[in-house]
Amino acid sequence: MRKKEYTHEDFEKEFLKTPQRRKAYADGVTKLLIAHKIADLREFAHMTQAELAKKLHTKQQVISRMEKDLYKPSLTTLEKIAHVFGKRLDINFI
């Protein structure tokens, strides 16, 4: 007998049963989306992590941590990043 494949929907049903887990999951998704957006903006601009770090007056390692979801940038940092790329920061409450 073949074992049933575990899907993302199965994960959500099992893991996200409690409010604490749902909050942790949502926070993680948000951090991951921010990390990916920063990396996408930088790569689209053909900029290295070191170049972005210099523009933000920080170290390359900080940019690396931001892009790996290991650092939660402040609102001020996000505004600076937006400015570097000629973008505006848009925050939505959903």
Protein backbone atom coordinates (compact mmCIF):
# COMPACT_ATOMS: atom_id res chain seq x y z
CA MET A 1 0.00 0.00 0.00
CA ARG A 2 1.34 3.40 -0.98
CA LYS A 3 1.54 6.12 1.67
CA LYS A 4 -0.54 9.26 1.02
CA GLU A 5 1.49 12.24 -0.15
CA TYR A 6 1.66 15.06 2.40
CA THR A 7 0.48 18.27 0.73
CA HIS A 8 0.75 21.93 1.68
CA GLU A 9 -2.96 21.86 2.49
CA ASP A 10 -2.33 18.96 4.89
CA PHE A 11 0.43 20.97 6.54
CA GLU A 12 -1.84 23.98 6.95
CA LYS A 13 -4.62 21.87 8.48
CA GLU A 14 -2.31 20.19 10.97
CA PHE A 15 0.22 22.88 11.81
CA LEU A 16 -2.04 25.91 11.82
CA LYS A 17 -4.57 24.62 14.33
CA THR A 18 -3.70 27.06 17.11
CA PRO A 19 -3.72 30.88 17.01
CA GLN A 20 -0.08 30.97 18.12
CA ARG A 21 1.00 28.78 15.22
CA ARG A 22 -1.07 30.79 12.73
CA LYS A 23 0.57 34.01 13.94
CA ALA A 24 4.07 32.52 13.77
CA TYR A 25 3.38 31.24 10.26
CA ALA A 26 2.02 34.62 9.08
CA ASP A 27 5.00 36.46 10.59
CA GLY A 28 7.39 34.07 8.86
CA VAL A 29 5.68 34.51 5.50
CA THR A 30 5.83 38.31 5.84
CA LYS A 31 9.54 38.25 6.69
CA LEU A 32 10.21 35.94 3.76
CA LEU A 33 8.32 38.18 1.33
CA ILE A 34 10.31 41.22 2.51
CA ALA A 35 13.59 39.30 2.19
CA HIS A 36 12.75 38.22 -1.36
CA LYS A 37 11.64 41.71 -2.36
CA ILE A 38 14.92 43.24 -1.17
CA ALA A 39 16.92 40.63 -3.10
CA ASP A 40 14.76 41.10 -6.22
CA LEU A 41 15.18 44.89 -6.16
CA ARG A 42 18.94 44.59 -5.72
CA GLU A 43 19.37 41.98 -8.46
CA PHE A 44 17.13 43.92 -10.89
CA ALA A 45 19.37 46.95 -10.34
CA HIS A 46 22.47 44.79 -11.04
CA MET A 47 23.80 45.73 -7.62
CA THR A 48 25.89 43.58 -5.31
CA GLN A 49 25.11 43.18 -1.63
CA ALA A 50 28.27 45.17 -0.87
CA GLU A 51 27.12 48.04 -3.11
CA LEU A 52 23.71 48.16 -1.45
CA ALA A 53 25.33 48.00 1.97
CA LYS A 54 27.53 50.98 1.12
CA LYS A 55 24.51 53.02 0.03
CA LEU A 56 22.75 52.13 3.30
CA HIS A 57 25.85 52.80 5.42
CA THR A 58 25.95 49.24 6.72
CA LYS A 59 27.87 46.01 6.14
CA GLN A 60 27.40 43.45 3.38
CA GLN A 61 26.66 40.82 6.04
CA VAL A 62 23.59 42.80 7.15
CA ILE A 63 22.24 42.78 3.58
CA SER A 64 22.92 39.05 3.36
CA ARG A 65 20.98 38.43 6.59
CA MET A 66 18.09 40.60 5.33
CA GLU A 67 17.89 38.57 2.13
CA LYS A 68 18.00 35.28 4.03
CA ASP A 69 15.17 36.22 6.37
CA LEU A 70 17.56 36.28 9.34
CA TYR A 71 17.09 39.97 10.08
CA LYS A 72 13.92 41.95 10.57
CA PRO A 73 14.54 45.40 9.03
CA SER A 74 13.00 48.41 10.72
CA LEU A 75 10.56 50.71 8.99
CA THR A 76 13.36 53.28 8.68
CA THR A 77 15.62 50.72 6.98
CA LEU A 78 12.85 49.74 4.57
CA GLU A 79 12.32 53.41 3.71
CA LYS A 80 16.05 53.79 3.02
CA ILE A 81 16.02 50.72 0.80
CA ALA A 82 13.04 52.09 -1.13
CA HIS A 83 14.85 55.42 -1.58
CA VAL A 84 18.01 53.70 -2.91
CA PHE A 85 15.94 52.04 -5.64
CA GLY A 86 13.78 55.07 -6.41
CA LYS A 87 10.70 53.36 -5.00
CA ARG A 88 8.21 54.25 -2.32
CA LEU A 89 7.34 52.07 0.62
CA ASP A 90 3.69 50.98 0.65
CA ILE A 91 2.31 49.26 3.74
CA ASN A 92 -1.07 47.53 3.62
CA PHE A 93 -3.20 46.17 6.43
CA ILE A 94 -5.09 43.15 5.19
